[in-house]
Amino acid sequence: MISGRRAAREAALLILFAVDANADQEPDRALSDFRDHFRDDADVLEALYAQELAIEDQKQLAKAMKVLADDGPRWAFVERLVRGTLGHVNALDEMIARCSLNWKVPRMGIVDRNILRLAAFELAFEADVPSRVTLNEGIELAKRYGTEESGAFVNGILDRIAQELGRVGGRD
C-alpha cells in the first residue's frame, strides 16, 4: 500500500496545483476544501491509490482513507508542505530558475512547476527527510502526473537544487 508520506505529498501536489491554476484560490480555502471533500469522496482516494491499492478491498480502502482523512500527522504533513511551499514560493521559484537550464519557471508545465516547488521546499526546509527520498518522490510524482519527459526534467533540476543546498550524497 502507498505510504502515508507519499499520499501526503500527492495530496499537497493536488492542492498546490489548484492554487496555481486558480489565482483567486486562497491556500487555506484550498486546504480545507480538499480535506473536507476528501473525507467523503472515495473517487479521489481511488485516484491517489490506483497503482498501490486493490480498490475492491473495502478494508484496505477504509484504512487508506484514514491515512489522510483524519487530522493526524499525515494531514499535518500535507498542511506543512502546502503552507511552506506557498509561503516561500518566490524564493523557491528563484532557486528553480537558477537550477533549470533554458526554462523560465512560468513557462514550465503547471504539474512540473509545482512538483519542483514542493520538492525544493522539502530539500530546503525539511531536513529530517533524506534528500534521496525527496528526489525519488519528486521523480515518481512527475512520472505519474506529468508528461513522458517530466521524470527526467524534474530529476535534472532537483539534482542541481540538492547540490546547491549541499544535500547530496547518501547521508545528508
Foldseek 3Di string as FASTA:
>chain_A
DDDLQLLLLVLLLVLQLVCVVDVVDDSVNSLVVCLVVLLPDLVVVCLSCVVPDDVVPVVVSVVSSVSQNDPDDSVVSSVCLNCQLVVCVVVLQVLLCVQAPPDRLVRDDSSLSSLSSSLLSCLQPVLVDQNVVSLVSSLVSCVSPHDPCSSVRSNRSSVSSCVVNVRDDDRD
